[in-house]
Amino acid sequence: MEIQTEALGLSAVEVEQLITSPMEVDLLNGVAYLDEIRSQSIPGLSSIQLLFEPGTDLPRARQLVAERLVMAHSLPRVSTPPVLMQPKSSTGRVMMVRLSSSEMPLMDMSVLARWNIKPRLMGVPGVANVSIWGQREQQMQVQVDPAVLQARGVTLNQVMETTGNAVWVSPLTFLKASTPGTGGFLETENQRIGIQHVLPITTSSDLAKVSVEKVTGAPLTLGDVASVRENHQPLIGDAVLDEDPGLMLVVEKFPEANTMEITAALESALEDLKPGLSGIDVDSSVYRPASFIQSAVESLGIALFVSLALAALLLGMFFRSWRVALVGLLVLTVSTVAALLVLFALGVGLNVMVFSGLVLALVVVVGDLVTDLNGLQLYRSQEEIPGNGSTRAGNWS
């Protein structure tokens, strides 16, 4: 299993010293059934892989690790909480959905994908994760210019405190807004009425009108010392679709989940969402392993039918009898169908190992068939030779 911790702004060395090493030593070391710990620290991200002893129950191991991660609050608060990633196989990517539009801005389409499309796809049974490539998170940003701040006599900390306290809740623990709901209450003769802050700030222009805290002299607003606008986060990468920017939804499944069933359920979910996606072009054929599986199954069925026919024809030519060919065709067909029905009843999918086992089993069936038909042919030959009746009767007796 893998644990990822995001820490934007930290270098690889800082991620290793402040996040990766403390988690390995203080939290994850000594977990039951743990065999090996591997880690990687890159700028802004810590990735820790836990390898367990063979035969370890995966849900039990995930529970033990999740219990250790509860104590992550004791680590330096320089990152987001660590996330225990969903179990996924190397072939877990089940579909890639392209979203493009000539009418809707990418930021609005990102909001729609984040709050409407992704939750619906995550609700499909068997889906482990849905990643949005090229996502542009809608943010109200206060973009400062050091020269303007110096000319106005305002520090960067004043701008940060003003902005953080003006919103409903702030992740900065040293601000008052880090503890929402501190409006207190009004006591009456019959009841106690709680007070909740209702902030009027809904747009960037509203935020620009907020007065800067701790200003000496004439009052200043955020719009006077900075540029307040709606924008998205700095992009690390992007999704380029036919030379045009867009979004790509990458859907991954749990191990041993049926690709065909998940694909059908995903396409049904996208079809249900289409009435609310006007102006957006949804293309689920960018990467669709189910298409390859369908083509492979059809080709495999044709190849299997041709192989059975050729095997029966060769048996008939070898024994110079159309009856032998018919018997061989019936035996091979019944054996193959029976094996497939047993696999279907047990819920076993058709993969390379199962197919190899079927081929080897058919080889054994063909060998037994040739032996039995050869014995039957010899018996018939002896029966046609005059004077062998007594010998034959003695042998059979």
Protein backbone atom coordinates (compact mmCIF):
# COMPACT_ATOMS: atom_id res chain seq x y z
CA MET A 1 0.00 0.00 0.00
CA GLU A 2 1.06 3.59 -0.58
CA ILE A 3 0.82 6.73 1.57
CA GLN A 4 1.11 10.14 -0.08
CA THR A 5 1.55 13.46 1.71
CA GLU A 6 1.36 16.73 -0.20
CA ALA A 7 3.47 19.69 0.94
CA LEU A 8 3.45 22.44 -1.68
CA GLY A 9 6.44 24.76 -1.55
CA LEU A 10 8.86 22.37 0.17
CA SER A 11 11.97 21.11 -1.58
CA ALA A 12 12.81 17.43 -1.82
CA VAL A 13 15.28 17.71 1.10
CA GLU A 14 12.70 19.47 3.29
CA VAL A 15 10.06 16.86 2.42
CA GLU A 16 12.48 14.10 3.40
CA GLN A 17 13.48 15.74 6.69
CA LEU A 18 10.10 17.05 7.84
CA ILE A 19 7.65 14.45 6.49
CA THR A 20 9.07 11.22 5.11
CA SER A 21 11.64 10.37 7.78
CA PRO A 22 9.41 11.21 10.80
CA MET A 23 6.56 9.15 9.34
CA GLU A 24 8.82 6.16 8.72
CA VAL A 25 10.43 6.24 12.16
CA ASP A 26 7.63 7.45 14.43
CA LEU A 27 4.42 6.21 12.78
CA LEU A 28 4.94 3.32 10.38
CA ASN A 29 7.90 1.48 11.87
CA GLY A 30 6.77 -1.65 13.69
CA VAL A 31 3.41 -2.18 11.99
CA ALA A 32 2.40 -5.83 12.25
CA TYR A 33 3.24 -8.08 9.27
CA LEU A 34 5.31 -5.27 7.69
CA ASP A 35 8.20 -6.60 5.63
CA GLU A 36 9.77 -3.54 3.99
CA ILE A 37 9.35 0.25 3.76
CA ARG A 38 10.25 2.16 0.61
CA SER A 39 9.96 5.91 0.26
CA GLN A 40 10.50 8.69 -2.24
CA SER A 41 10.67 12.42 -1.56
CA ILE A 42 10.21 14.87 -4.41
CA PRO A 43 9.47 18.62 -4.34
CA GLY A 44 6.04 19.01 -2.78
CA LEU A 45 5.24 15.32 -2.30
CA SER A 46 6.19 12.42 -0.03
CA SER A 47 5.42 8.87 -1.17
CA ILE A 48 5.88 5.90 1.16
CA GLN A 49 5.28 2.30 0.03
CA LEU A 50 4.65 -0.46 2.56
CA LEU A 51 5.36 -4.05 1.53
CA PHE A 52 3.85 -6.74 3.75
CA GLU A 53 4.64 -10.40 4.24
CA PRO A 54 3.07 -12.84 1.75
CA GLY A 55 -0.37 -13.99 2.81
CA THR A 56 -1.17 -10.86 4.84
CA ASP A 57 -4.84 -9.93 4.87
CA LEU A 58 -5.05 -6.62 2.98
CA PRO A 59 -8.06 -5.10 4.84
CA ARG A 60 -6.46 -5.95 8.18
CA ALA A 61 -3.15 -4.39 7.12
CA ARG A 62 -4.90 -1.24 5.89
CA GLN A 63 -6.70 -0.97 9.23
CA LEU A 64 -3.42 -1.18 11.15
CA VAL A 65 -1.81 1.49 8.98
CA ALA A 66 -4.87 3.76 9.21
CA GLU A 67 -4.72 3.55 13.00
CA ARG A 68 -1.11 4.71 12.91
CA LEU A 69 -1.94 7.63 10.60
CA VAL A 70 -4.37 9.00 13.20
CA MET A 71 -1.28 10.18 15.11
CA ALA A 72 -0.05 12.23 12.12
CA HIS A 73 -1.08 15.42 13.96
CA SER A 74 2.12 15.09 16.01
CA LEU A 75 4.23 15.72 12.91
CA PRO A 76 5.33 19.26 11.93
CA ARG A 77 2.37 21.06 10.40
CA VAL A 78 3.98 21.80 7.06
CA SER A 79 1.75 19.67 4.84
CA THR A 80 -1.72 18.33 4.29
CA PRO A 81 -2.70 15.19 6.25
CA PRO A 82 -1.23 11.96 4.83
CA VAL A 83 -3.54 10.02 2.53
CA LEU A 84 -3.67 6.22 2.36
CA MET A 85 -4.10 5.52 -1.34
CA GLN A 86 -6.67 3.05 -2.63
CA PRO A 87 -5.37 -0.39 -3.63
CA LYS A 88 -4.82 -0.44 -7.38
CA SER A 89 -3.10 -2.85 -9.73
CA SER A 90 -0.63 -1.93 -12.45
CA THR A 91 -3.43 -2.46 -14.99
CA GLY A 92 -6.04 -0.62 -12.93
CA ARG A 93 -6.74 2.15 -15.43
CA VAL A 94 -10.17 1.27 -16.80
CA MET A 95 -11.17 4.41 -18.73
CA MET A 96 -10.06 7.91 -19.71
CA VAL A 97 -12.83 10.45 -20.37
CA ARG A 98 -12.12 13.63 -22.33
CA LEU A 99 -14.04 16.81 -21.52
CA SER A 100 -13.82 19.71 -23.95
CA SER A 101 -15.96 22.72 -24.71
CA SER A 102 -15.89 25.76 -26.95
CA GLU A 103 -18.52 27.53 -24.84
CA MET A 104 -17.60 26.90 -21.19
CA PRO A 105 -14.34 28.21 -19.63
CA LEU A 106 -11.94 25.60 -18.28
CA MET A 107 -12.34 26.87 -14.71
CA ASP A 108 -16.12 26.46 -14.78
CA MET A 109 -15.75 23.06 -16.40
CA SER A 110 -13.27 22.08 -13.66
CA VAL A 111 -15.81 23.04 -10.99
CA LEU A 112 -18.44 20.94 -12.75
CA ALA A 113 -16.06 17.98 -13.03
CA ARG A 114 -14.98 18.27 -9.38
CA TRP A 115 -18.41 18.56 -7.78
CA ASN A 116 -20.76 16.75 -10.19
CA ILE A 117 -18.98 14.32 -12.50
CA LYS A 118 -16.30 12.89 -10.20
CA PRO A 119 -18.63 12.03 -7.26
CA ARG A 120 -21.01 10.25 -9.64
CA LEU A 121 -18.20 8.18 -11.18
CA MET A 122 -16.72 7.42 -7.75
CA GLY A 123 -20.07 5.92 -6.80
CA VAL A 124 -19.79 3.22 -9.47
CA PRO A 125 -19.01 -0.14 -7.77
CA GLY A 126 -15.41 -1.18 -8.38
CA VAL A 127 -14.02 2.32 -9.03
CA ALA A 128 -11.05 3.11 -6.79
CA ASN A 129 -10.14 6.63 -7.86
CA VAL A 130 -10.93 9.32 -10.43
CA SER A 131 -8.12 11.76 -11.23
CA ILE A 132 -8.77 15.02 -13.10
CA TRP A 133 -5.92 16.01 -15.36
CA GLY A 134 -5.76 19.71 -16.21
CA GLN A 135 -8.06 20.68 -13.34
CA ARG A 136 -8.21 24.38 -12.59
CA GLU A 137 -9.45 24.99 -9.05
CA GLN A 138 -11.51 28.15 -8.72
CA GLN A 139 -9.81 30.49 -6.24
CA MET A 140 -10.02 34.09 -5.08
CA GLN A 141 -6.42 35.24 -5.17
CA VAL A 142 -4.80 38.32 -3.67
CA GLN A 143 -1.76 38.94 -5.87
CA VAL A 144 0.64 41.37 -4.22
CA ASP A 145 3.40 43.53 -5.66
CA PRO A 146 6.31 44.20 -3.24
CA ALA A 147 6.86 47.67 -4.67
CA VAL A 148 3.22 48.66 -4.09
CA LEU A 149 3.30 47.27 -0.54
CA GLN A 150 6.43 49.24 0.24
CA ALA A 151 4.97 52.43 -1.18
CA ARG A 152 1.80 52.02 0.88
CA GLY A 153 3.64 51.04 4.05
CA VAL A 154 1.88 47.66 4.31
CA THR A 155 3.57 44.37 5.10
CA LEU A 156 2.84 41.00 3.57
CA ASN A 157 1.72 39.64 6.96
CA GLN A 158 -0.95 42.36 7.16
CA VAL A 159 -2.31 41.32 3.77
CA MET A 160 -2.29 37.64 4.78
CA GLU A 161 -4.06 38.29 8.08
CA THR A 162 -6.67 40.53 6.46
CA THR A 163 -7.42 38.05 3.71
CA GLY A 164 -7.48 35.03 6.01
CA ASN A 165 -9.76 36.65 8.59
CA ALA A 166 -12.13 37.89 5.89
CA VAL A 167 -13.07 34.41 4.71
CA TRP A 168 -15.22 31.85 6.51
CA VAL A 169 -12.35 29.60 7.60
CA SER A 170 -8.60 29.73 7.03
CA PRO A 171 -6.04 26.88 7.17
CA LEU A 172 -3.54 29.27 8.78
CA THR A 173 -3.59 28.35 12.46
CA PHE A 174 -2.28 31.73 13.67
CA LEU A 175 -5.36 33.56 12.36
CA LYS A 176 -8.69 34.11 14.08
CA ALA A 177 -10.49 32.56 11.10
CA SER A 178 -8.81 29.21 11.80
CA THR A 179 -11.50 28.65 14.46
CA PRO A 180 -14.89 29.32 12.84
CA GLY A 181 -18.12 29.59 14.75
CA THR A 182 -16.83 31.87 17.52
CA GLY A 183 -19.78 34.24 17.37
CA GLY A 184 -20.98 33.22 20.84
CA PHE A 185 -24.66 33.22 21.72
CA LEU A 186 -27.56 35.35 23.00
CA GLU A 187 -29.27 34.28 26.19
CA THR A 188 -33.02 34.84 26.51
CA GLU A 189 -35.57 33.80 29.11
CA ASN A 190 -36.61 30.77 27.07
CA GLN A 191 -33.66 29.73 24.97
CA ARG A 192 -30.05 30.26 23.99
CA ILE A 193 -29.61 31.54 20.43
CA GLY A 194 -26.30 30.87 18.71
CA ILE A 195 -24.65 33.56 16.60
CA GLN A 196 -23.16 32.58 13.25
CA HIS A 197 -21.14 34.81 10.96
CA VAL A 198 -22.74 35.27 7.54
CA LEU A 199 -20.06 36.67 5.30
CA PRO A 200 -21.15 38.89 2.39
CA ILE A 201 -17.98 38.11 0.41
CA THR A 202 -18.89 36.03 -2.63
CA THR A 203 -16.84 37.62 -5.42
CA SER A 204 -13.35 39.02 -5.83
CA SER A 205 -14.73 42.57 -5.93
CA ASP A 206 -16.28 42.02 -2.49
CA LEU A 207 -12.95 40.81 -1.12
CA ALA A 208 -11.15 43.80 -2.61
CA LYS A 209 -13.30 46.14 -0.47
CA VAL A 210 -12.09 44.65 2.85
CA SER A 211 -10.02 47.08 4.93
CA VAL A 212 -6.42 46.11 5.67
CA GLU A 213 -5.82 45.39 9.34
CA LYS A 214 -3.39 47.33 11.56
CA VAL A 215 -2.90 50.21 9.13
CA THR A 216 -1.58 53.47 10.51
CA GLY A 217 -2.93 56.55 8.80
CA ALA A 218 -5.59 56.60 6.12
CA PRO A 219 -7.62 53.38 5.73
CA LEU A 220 -6.61 51.07 2.91
CA THR A 221 -8.44 48.20 1.27
CA LEU A 222 -7.04 45.04 -0.27
CA GLY A 223 -7.84 46.45 -3.69
CA ASP A 224 -5.58 49.45 -2.96
CA VAL A 225 -2.48 47.37 -2.20
CA ALA A 226 -3.00 44.22 -4.30
CA SER A 227 -4.75 42.78 -7.31
CA VAL A 228 -7.76 40.70 -6.23
CA ARG A 229 -9.14 38.38 -8.89
CA GLU A 230 -10.58 34.94 -9.54
CA ASN A 231 -7.95 32.58 -10.89
CA HIS A 232 -6.74 29.01 -10.59
CA GLN A 233 -3.76 27.41 -8.89
CA PRO A 234 -0.34 27.26 -10.62
CA LEU A 235 -0.42 24.26 -12.95
CA ILE A 236 2.25 21.56 -12.71
CA GLY A 237 1.03 19.91 -15.91
CA ASP A 238 -1.92 20.15 -18.27
CA ALA A 239 -4.20 18.03 -20.44
CA VAL A 240 -3.81 18.83 -24.13
CA LEU A 241 -6.49 17.30 -26.35
CA ASP A 242 -6.03 17.67 -30.11
CA GLU A 243 -3.92 20.79 -29.53
CA ASP A 244 -6.74 22.34 -27.46
CA PRO A 245 -6.77 22.53 -23.64
CA GLY A 246 -9.35 20.49 -21.84
CA LEU A 247 -9.86 18.06 -18.98
CA MET A 248 -9.11 14.37 -18.76
CA LEU A 249 -10.80 12.13 -16.21
CA VAL A 250 -8.67 9.05 -15.48
CA VAL A 251 -10.72 6.27 -13.85
CA GLU A 252 -8.94 3.48 -11.95
CA LYS A 253 -10.48 0.30 -10.58
CA PHE A 254 -9.84 -2.00 -7.66
CA PRO A 255 -7.81 -5.18 -8.20
CA GLU A 256 -9.81 -8.16 -9.53
CA ALA A 257 -12.73 -5.93 -10.47
CA ASN A 258 -14.42 -6.79 -13.76
CA THR A 259 -13.36 -4.31 -16.44
CA MET A 260 -16.36 -4.96 -18.69
CA GLU A 261 -18.92 -4.44 -15.90
CA ILE A 262 -17.24 -1.26 -14.63
CA THR A 263 -17.00 0.16 -18.16
CA ALA A 264 -20.69 -0.44 -18.79
CA ALA A 265 -21.59 1.17 -15.44
CA LEU A 266 -19.36 4.18 -16.14
CA GLU A 267 -20.86 4.74 -19.57
CA SER A 268 -24.34 4.49 -18.06
CA ALA A 269 -23.39 7.08 -15.41
CA LEU A 270 -22.01 9.44 -18.06
CA GLU A 271 -25.22 9.02 -20.04
CA ASP A 272 -27.24 9.98 -16.96
CA LEU A 273 -25.08 13.10 -16.49
CA LYS A 274 -25.40 14.35 -20.08
CA PRO A 275 -28.57 16.47 -19.50
CA GLY A 276 -26.56 18.60 -17.06
CA LEU A 277 -23.49 18.85 -19.28
CA SER A 278 -24.83 21.03 -22.04
CA GLY A 279 -22.08 22.58 -24.12
CA ILE A 280 -19.51 20.00 -23.02
CA ASP A 281 -18.23 17.29 -25.36
CA VAL A 282 -17.78 14.03 -23.44
CA ASP A 283 -15.61 11.39 -25.14
CA SER A 284 -15.11 8.08 -23.31
CA SER A 285 -13.26 6.35 -26.16
CA VAL A 286 -9.86 7.99 -25.56
CA TYR A 287 -8.65 4.99 -23.57
CA ARG A 288 -11.08 2.10 -23.22
CA PRO A 289 -9.59 -1.35 -22.44
CA ALA A 290 -13.07 -2.86 -22.70
CA SER A 291 -12.92 -2.34 -26.48
CA PHE A 292 -9.75 -4.42 -26.67
CA ILE A 293 -11.29 -7.08 -24.46
CA GLN A 294 -14.39 -7.26 -26.67
CA SER A 295 -12.27 -7.52 -29.80
CA ALA A 296 -10.02 -10.11 -28.18
CA VAL A 297 -12.96 -12.23 -27.04
CA GLU A 298 -14.51 -12.15 -30.51
CA SER A 299 -11.20 -13.05 -32.13
CA LEU A 300 -10.64 -15.76 -29.53
CA GLY A 301 -14.08 -17.25 -30.21
CA ILE A 302 -13.42 -17.36 -33.94
CA ALA A 303 -9.95 -18.82 -33.40
CA LEU A 304 -11.34 -21.42 -31.00
CA PHE A 305 -14.03 -22.49 -33.45
CA VAL A 306 -11.51 -22.74 -36.32
CA SER A 307 -9.08 -24.66 -34.10
CA LEU A 308 -11.74 -27.19 -33.09
CA ALA A 309 -12.78 -27.64 -36.71
CA LEU A 310 -9.18 -28.13 -37.85
CA ALA A 311 -8.49 -30.60 -35.02
CA ALA A 312 -11.56 -32.62 -35.97
CA LEU A 313 -10.57 -32.49 -39.65
CA LEU A 314 -7.05 -33.70 -38.89
CA LEU A 315 -8.43 -36.56 -36.79
CA GLY A 316 -10.73 -37.54 -39.63
CA MET A 317 -7.89 -37.43 -42.16
CA PHE A 318 -5.59 -39.38 -39.87
CA PHE A 319 -8.11 -42.17 -39.25
CA ARG A 320 -9.73 -41.82 -42.70
CA SER A 321 -13.20 -41.70 -41.23
CA TRP A 322 -15.79 -38.93 -41.05
CA ARG A 323 -17.27 -40.60 -37.99
CA VAL A 324 -13.98 -40.12 -36.12
CA ALA A 325 -13.95 -36.47 -37.12
CA LEU A 326 -17.50 -36.02 -35.82
CA VAL A 327 -16.68 -37.75 -32.53
CA GLY A 328 -13.56 -35.61 -32.10
CA LEU A 329 -15.49 -32.39 -32.80
CA LEU A 330 -18.19 -33.33 -30.27
CA VAL A 331 -15.68 -34.30 -27.58
CA LEU A 332 -13.60 -31.12 -27.93
CA THR A 333 -16.66 -28.87 -28.08
CA VAL A 334 -18.32 -30.43 -25.03
CA SER A 335 -15.06 -30.32 -23.03
CA THR A 336 -14.44 -26.66 -23.86
CA VAL A 337 -18.02 -25.57 -23.13
CA ALA A 338 -18.07 -27.52 -19.85
CA ALA A 339 -14.81 -25.90 -18.70
CA LEU A 340 -16.09 -22.43 -19.54
CA LEU A 341 -19.37 -23.05 -17.72
CA VAL A 342 -17.51 -24.20 -14.60
CA LEU A 343 -15.31 -21.07 -14.69
CA PHE A 344 -18.40 -18.89 -15.14
CA ALA A 345 -20.16 -20.59 -12.22
CA LEU A 346 -17.10 -20.03 -9.98
CA GLY A 347 -16.83 -16.38 -11.03
CA VAL A 348 -13.34 -16.81 -12.51
CA GLY A 349 -12.48 -14.40 -15.32
CA LEU A 350 -10.63 -15.37 -18.47
CA ASN A 351 -7.01 -14.23 -18.29
CA VAL A 352 -3.72 -15.45 -19.74
CA MET A 353 -3.16 -18.07 -17.04
CA VAL A 354 -6.68 -19.46 -17.30
CA PHE A 355 -6.49 -19.55 -21.10
CA SER A 356 -3.12 -21.36 -20.94
CA GLY A 357 -4.66 -23.90 -18.58
CA LEU A 358 -7.55 -24.48 -20.98
CA VAL A 359 -5.15 -25.00 -23.87
CA LEU A 360 -3.10 -27.53 -21.89
CA ALA A 361 -6.28 -29.31 -20.81
CA LEU A 362 -7.44 -29.54 -24.43
CA VAL A 363 -4.06 -31.00 -25.35
CA VAL A 364 -4.65 -33.74 -22.76
CA VAL A 365 -8.18 -34.27 -24.09
CA VAL A 366 -6.88 -34.58 -27.64
CA GLY A 367 -4.23 -37.06 -26.50
CA ASP A 368 -6.83 -39.22 -24.73
CA LEU A 369 -9.14 -38.92 -27.73
CA VAL A 370 -6.45 -40.10 -30.14
CA THR A 371 -5.56 -43.01 -27.86
CA ASP A 372 -9.19 -44.09 -27.48
CA LEU A 373 -9.93 -43.74 -31.19
CA ASN A 374 -6.77 -45.62 -32.06
CA GLY A 375 -7.77 -48.46 -29.72
CA LEU A 376 -11.26 -48.50 -31.22
CA GLN A 377 -9.78 -48.61 -34.71
CA LEU A 378 -7.54 -51.58 -33.80
CA TYR A 379 -10.48 -53.38 -32.24
CA ARG A 380 -12.55 -52.93 -35.38
CA SER A 381 -9.63 -54.13 -37.51
CA GLN A 382 -9.27 -57.29 -35.44
CA GLU A 383 -13.00 -57.86 -35.59
CA GLU A 384 -12.90 -57.84 -39.40
CA ILE A 385 -10.06 -60.47 -39.60
CA PRO A 386 -11.51 -64.01 -40.12
CA GLY A 387 -10.66 -66.63 -37.46
CA ASN A 388 -10.05 -64.18 -34.62
CA GLY A 389 -13.40 -64.75 -32.94
CA SER A 390 -12.17 -67.20 -30.32
CA THR A 391 -9.12 -65.14 -29.54
CA ARG A 392 -11.19 -62.04 -29.26
CA ALA A 393 -13.71 -63.77 -27.04
CA GLY A 394 -10.95 -65.11 -24.86
CA ASN A 395 -9.37 -61.69 -24.53
CA TRP A 396 -12.65 -60.00 -23.66
CA SER A 397 -13.56 -62.70 -21.20
